[in-house]
Amino acid sequence: MRERDLFMEIWRERPHFCTGCNKKLDHEAKAHYFSHIIPKGRRKDLKLEKDNIVLECIECHTLWETGSMEKKRKMLNFEHKLKYVENLDYSMYYKMKFI
C-alpha cells in the first residue's frame, strides 16, 4: 500500500477533527493532516501503520514534530500518543515521560 492510499483510507474512516486540539479540518484531505506519532525517520517500519497516524491540524502536527515537551503535554491526544510510544519505542517514551 502506498502512503497516499493509506491516508485516504484513514480520511474515510475517521472524523475530520484535529485530535490534538479538536479543531475541524477542511473537507479535503491534505497531507499535513496525517501526523505520524512515531516519526517516519525514526521508525520506517511504522510509516504505513494505521495506528501510528493521527489526524491533526497543521499547528498541532508542527507542534508534535518540533515543539517543546511542555507544549506537547498540553495536546488533547498526548496521553494516547504516549501510550502508543510506550508500547513500540521505549527510548522515545522515556524522553517523553521523564524529560
N, C-alpha and C. Protein backbone atom coordinates (compact mmCIF):
# COMPACT_ATOMS: atom_id res chain seq x y z
N MET A 1 0.85 -1.18 0.00
CA MET A 1 0.00 0.00 0.00
C MET A 1 0.89 1.24 0.00
N ARG A 2 0.51 2.22 -0.75
CA ARG A 2 1.22 3.50 -0.77
C ARG A 2 0.71 4.39 0.35
N GLU A 3 1.55 5.32 0.78
CA GLU A 3 1.19 6.22 1.87
C GLU A 3 -0.07 7.02 1.54
N ARG A 4 -0.16 7.52 0.35
CA ARG A 4 -1.34 8.31 -0.07
C ARG A 4 -2.62 7.47 0.03
N ASP A 5 -2.56 6.23 -0.38
CA ASP A 5 -3.72 5.34 -0.29
C ASP A 5 -4.13 5.12 1.17
N LEU A 6 -3.14 4.94 2.04
CA LEU A 6 -3.43 4.77 3.46
C LEU A 6 -4.06 6.04 4.03
N PHE A 7 -3.53 7.20 3.65
CA PHE A 7 -4.10 8.46 4.12
C PHE A 7 -5.57 8.58 3.72
N MET A 8 -5.89 8.22 2.50
CA MET A 8 -7.28 8.33 2.02
C MET A 8 -8.18 7.34 2.77
N GLU A 9 -7.67 6.17 3.08
CA GLU A 9 -8.44 5.20 3.86
C GLU A 9 -8.73 5.76 5.26
N ILE A 10 -7.72 6.32 5.88
CA ILE A 10 -7.90 6.93 7.21
C ILE A 10 -8.89 8.08 7.12
N TRP A 11 -8.79 8.90 6.09
CA TRP A 11 -9.69 10.05 5.91
C TRP A 11 -11.14 9.60 5.81
N ARG A 12 -11.38 8.49 5.13
CA ARG A 12 -12.75 7.97 5.00
C ARG A 12 -13.27 7.40 6.32
N GLU A 13 -12.39 6.86 7.15
CA GLU A 13 -12.80 6.16 8.37
C GLU A 13 -12.96 7.05 9.60
N ARG A 14 -12.23 8.13 9.66
CA ARG A 14 -12.18 8.92 10.90
C ARG A 14 -12.87 10.28 10.76
N PRO A 15 -13.36 10.80 11.88
CA PRO A 15 -13.95 12.15 11.87
C PRO A 15 -12.88 13.18 11.50
N HIS A 16 -13.28 14.22 10.80
CA HIS A 16 -12.34 15.22 10.31
C HIS A 16 -12.12 16.33 11.34
N PHE A 17 -11.59 15.93 12.48
CA PHE A 17 -11.23 16.85 13.56
C PHE A 17 -9.80 16.58 13.97
N CYS A 18 -9.11 17.64 14.39
CA CYS A 18 -7.76 17.50 14.90
C CYS A 18 -7.81 16.81 16.25
N THR A 19 -7.05 15.74 16.40
CA THR A 19 -7.03 15.02 17.67
C THR A 19 -6.18 15.74 18.71
N GLY A 20 -5.42 16.73 18.28
CA GLY A 20 -4.58 17.49 19.20
C GLY A 20 -5.29 18.66 19.86
N CYS A 21 -6.24 19.28 19.13
CA CYS A 21 -6.92 20.47 19.67
C CYS A 21 -8.43 20.49 19.40
N ASN A 22 -8.92 19.51 18.66
CA ASN A 22 -10.34 19.35 18.33
C ASN A 22 -10.85 20.34 17.28
N LYS A 23 -9.94 21.00 16.58
CA LYS A 23 -10.31 21.93 15.51
C LYS A 23 -10.85 21.13 14.32
N LYS A 24 -11.90 21.65 13.67
CA LYS A 24 -12.45 21.00 12.49
C LYS A 24 -11.48 21.15 11.33
N LEU A 25 -11.24 20.05 10.62
CA LEU A 25 -10.35 20.07 9.47
C LEU A 25 -11.16 20.36 8.21
N ASP A 26 -10.50 20.85 7.17
CA ASP A 26 -11.17 21.13 5.90
C ASP A 26 -11.82 19.87 5.34
N HIS A 27 -12.65 20.06 4.36
CA HIS A 27 -13.33 18.92 3.73
C HIS A 27 -12.38 18.07 2.89
N GLU A 28 -11.31 18.68 2.42
CA GLU A 28 -10.36 17.98 1.56
C GLU A 28 -9.20 17.44 2.38
N ALA A 29 -8.82 16.21 2.13
CA ALA A 29 -7.67 15.61 2.83
C ALA A 29 -6.39 16.27 2.34
N LYS A 30 -5.59 16.73 3.26
CA LYS A 30 -4.30 17.35 2.93
C LYS A 30 -3.22 16.55 3.64
N ALA A 31 -2.08 16.40 3.00
CA ALA A 31 -1.01 15.55 3.54
C ALA A 31 -0.61 15.96 4.95
N HIS A 32 -0.60 17.24 5.25
CA HIS A 32 -0.16 17.67 6.58
C HIS A 32 -1.16 17.33 7.68
N TYR A 33 -2.36 16.87 7.35
CA TYR A 33 -3.32 16.43 8.37
C TYR A 33 -2.93 15.07 8.97
N PHE A 34 -2.07 14.35 8.30
CA PHE A 34 -1.73 12.98 8.71
C PHE A 34 -0.38 13.00 9.44
N SER A 35 -0.45 12.91 10.75
CA SER A 35 0.73 13.04 11.59
C SER A 35 1.13 11.68 12.16
N HIS A 36 2.38 11.32 11.95
CA HIS A 36 2.91 10.06 12.49
C HIS A 36 3.27 10.27 13.96
N ILE A 37 2.76 9.43 14.82
CA ILE A 37 3.07 9.52 16.25
C ILE A 37 4.56 9.27 16.45
N ILE A 38 5.04 8.15 15.97
CA ILE A 38 6.47 7.88 15.94
C ILE A 38 6.94 8.26 14.54
N PRO A 39 7.82 9.25 14.44
CA PRO A 39 8.20 9.78 13.13
C PRO A 39 8.72 8.72 12.16
N LYS A 40 8.43 8.94 10.89
CA LYS A 40 8.88 8.02 9.84
C LYS A 40 10.40 7.89 9.83
N GLY A 41 11.10 8.97 10.10
CA GLY A 41 12.56 8.93 10.12
C GLY A 41 13.13 8.10 11.26
N ARG A 42 12.36 7.96 12.31
CA ARG A 42 12.80 7.19 13.47
C ARG A 42 12.49 5.70 13.30
N ARG A 43 11.31 5.41 12.77
CA ARG A 43 10.85 4.02 12.61
C ARG A 43 10.19 3.87 11.24
N LYS A 44 10.99 3.61 10.24
CA LYS A 44 10.48 3.44 8.88
C LYS A 44 9.46 2.29 8.79
N ASP A 45 9.60 1.31 9.67
CA ASP A 45 8.70 0.16 9.66
C ASP A 45 7.28 0.55 10.07
N LEU A 46 7.10 1.72 10.68
CA LEU A 46 5.77 2.15 11.11
C LEU A 46 5.16 3.19 10.18
N LYS A 47 5.83 3.48 9.08
CA LYS A 47 5.37 4.51 8.14
C LYS A 47 3.94 4.24 7.65
N LEU A 48 3.62 2.99 7.39
CA LEU A 48 2.30 2.63 6.86
C LEU A 48 1.44 1.92 7.90
N GLU A 49 1.74 2.11 9.15
CA GLU A 49 0.96 1.53 10.25
C GLU A 49 -0.15 2.51 10.62
N LYS A 50 -1.37 2.11 10.36
CA LYS A 50 -2.52 3.00 10.57
C LYS A 50 -2.60 3.54 12.00
N ASP A 51 -2.28 2.71 12.97
CA ASP A 51 -2.34 3.15 14.37
C ASP A 51 -1.28 4.19 14.71
N ASN A 52 -0.27 4.33 13.88
CA ASN A 52 0.79 5.31 14.10
C ASN A 52 0.45 6.68 13.50
N ILE A 53 -0.70 6.80 12.91
CA ILE A 53 -1.08 8.04 12.24
C ILE A 53 -2.35 8.61 12.87
N VAL A 54 -2.29 9.89 13.22
CA VAL A 54 -3.45 10.59 13.75
C VAL A 54 -3.74 11.79 12.87
N LEU A 55 -5.00 12.22 12.88
CA LEU A 55 -5.37 13.42 12.15
C LEU A 55 -5.11 14.64 13.02
N GLU A 56 -4.39 15.61 12.47
CA GLU A 56 -4.08 16.84 13.21
C GLU A 56 -4.05 18.03 12.25
N CYS A 57 -4.39 19.19 12.79
CA CYS A 57 -4.26 20.43 12.03
C CYS A 57 -2.76 20.72 11.85
N ILE A 58 -2.43 21.64 10.99
CA ILE A 58 -1.03 21.94 10.72
C ILE A 58 -0.30 22.44 11.97
N GLU A 59 -1.00 23.19 12.82
CA GLU A 59 -0.38 23.70 14.03
C GLU A 59 0.01 22.57 14.99
N CYS A 60 -0.90 21.63 15.19
CA CYS A 60 -0.62 20.51 16.09
C CYS A 60 0.41 19.55 15.49
N HIS A 61 0.34 19.35 14.19
CA HIS A 61 1.32 18.49 13.52
C HIS A 61 2.72 19.07 13.70
N THR A 62 2.85 20.38 13.48
CA THR A 62 4.14 21.05 13.64
C THR A 62 4.59 21.01 15.09
N LEU A 63 3.67 21.24 16.01
CA LEU A 63 3.99 21.18 17.44
C LEU A 63 4.53 19.80 17.80
N TRP A 64 3.89 18.76 17.32
CA TRP A 64 4.33 17.39 17.63
C TRP A 64 5.74 17.14 17.08
N GLU A 65 6.04 17.67 15.92
CA GLU A 65 7.34 17.43 15.30
C GLU A 65 8.45 18.29 15.89
N THR A 66 8.14 19.53 16.28
CA THR A 66 9.22 20.46 16.64
C THR A 66 8.99 21.22 17.94
N GLY A 67 7.85 21.05 18.58
CA GLY A 67 7.54 21.82 19.78
C GLY A 67 8.22 21.30 21.03
N SER A 68 8.13 22.10 22.06
CA SER A 68 8.70 21.69 23.35
C SER A 68 7.84 20.61 23.99
N MET A 69 8.45 19.82 24.85
CA MET A 69 7.71 18.77 25.54
C MET A 69 6.61 19.39 26.41
N GLU A 70 6.88 20.54 26.97
CA GLU A 70 5.88 21.23 27.80
C GLU A 70 4.61 21.52 26.99
N LYS A 71 4.77 21.98 25.76
CA LYS A 71 3.61 22.27 24.90
C LYS A 71 2.95 20.98 24.41
N LYS A 72 3.76 19.98 24.09
CA LYS A 72 3.20 18.70 23.63
C LYS A 72 2.30 18.09 24.70
N ARG A 73 2.69 18.21 25.94
CA ARG A 73 1.91 17.63 27.03
C ARG A 73 0.52 18.25 27.16
N LYS A 74 0.32 19.41 26.58
CA LYS A 74 -0.98 20.10 26.63
C LYS A 74 -1.93 19.67 25.51
N MET A 75 -1.41 18.90 24.56
CA MET A 75 -2.24 18.44 23.45
C MET A 75 -3.29 17.46 23.97
N LEU A 76 -4.49 17.52 23.41
CA LEU A 76 -5.58 16.64 23.83
C LEU A 76 -5.24 15.17 23.64
N ASN A 77 -4.43 14.86 22.65
CA ASN A 77 -4.11 13.46 22.34
C ASN A 77 -2.76 13.01 22.90
N PHE A 78 -2.16 13.80 23.79
CA PHE A 78 -0.83 13.46 24.29
C PHE A 78 -0.81 12.10 24.99
N GLU A 79 -1.76 11.83 25.86
CA GLU A 79 -1.76 10.54 26.58
C GLU A 79 -1.93 9.36 25.63
N HIS A 80 -2.75 9.53 24.61
CA HIS A 80 -2.91 8.48 23.60
C HIS A 80 -1.58 8.21 22.91
N LYS A 81 -0.91 9.28 22.51
CA LYS A 81 0.37 9.14 21.83
C LYS A 81 1.42 8.53 22.76
N LEU A 82 1.43 8.98 23.99
CA LEU A 82 2.39 8.46 24.97
C LEU A 82 2.23 6.95 25.14
N LYS A 83 1.00 6.49 25.25
CA LYS A 83 0.73 5.06 25.41
C LYS A 83 1.20 4.27 24.18
N TYR A 84 0.93 4.82 22.99
CA TYR A 84 1.36 4.16 21.76
C TYR A 84 2.89 4.05 21.72
N VAL A 85 3.56 5.15 22.03
CA VAL A 85 5.02 5.18 22.02
C VAL A 85 5.59 4.21 23.06
N GLU A 86 4.97 4.17 24.23
CA GLU A 86 5.44 3.27 25.28
C GLU A 86 5.51 1.82 24.79
N ASN A 87 4.54 1.42 24.02
CA ASN A 87 4.47 0.04 23.54
C ASN A 87 5.44 -0.27 22.41
N LEU A 88 5.90 0.75 21.67
CA LEU A 88 6.68 0.47 20.47
C LEU A 88 8.08 1.07 20.43
N ASP A 89 8.36 2.05 21.28
CA ASP A 89 9.68 2.70 21.21
C ASP A 89 10.03 3.24 22.60
N TYR A 90 10.62 2.39 23.42
CA TYR A 90 10.83 2.76 24.81
C TYR A 90 11.76 3.95 24.98
N SER A 91 12.78 4.09 24.16
CA SER A 91 13.68 5.23 24.32
C SER A 91 12.97 6.55 24.01
N MET A 92 12.08 6.56 23.05
CA MET A 92 11.28 7.75 22.76
C MET A 92 10.31 8.00 23.92
N TYR A 93 9.72 6.94 24.42
CA TYR A 93 8.80 7.05 25.56
C TYR A 93 9.50 7.65 26.77
N TYR A 94 10.69 7.18 27.06
CA TYR A 94 11.45 7.66 28.21
C TYR A 94 11.67 9.17 28.11
N LYS A 95 12.03 9.64 26.93
CA LYS A 95 12.24 11.08 26.71
C LYS A 95 10.95 11.86 26.91
N MET A 96 9.84 11.30 26.44
CA MET A 96 8.56 11.98 26.55
C MET A 96 8.07 12.02 28.00
N LYS A 97 8.29 10.96 28.71
CA LYS A 97 7.75 10.81 30.05
C LYS A 97 8.60 11.48 31.11
N PHE A 98 9.90 11.39 30.97
CA PHE A 98 10.78 11.80 32.06
C PHE A 98 11.67 13.00 31.78
N ILE A 99 11.61 13.52 30.59
CA ILE A 99 12.46 14.68 30.28
C ILE A 99 11.59 15.91 30.08
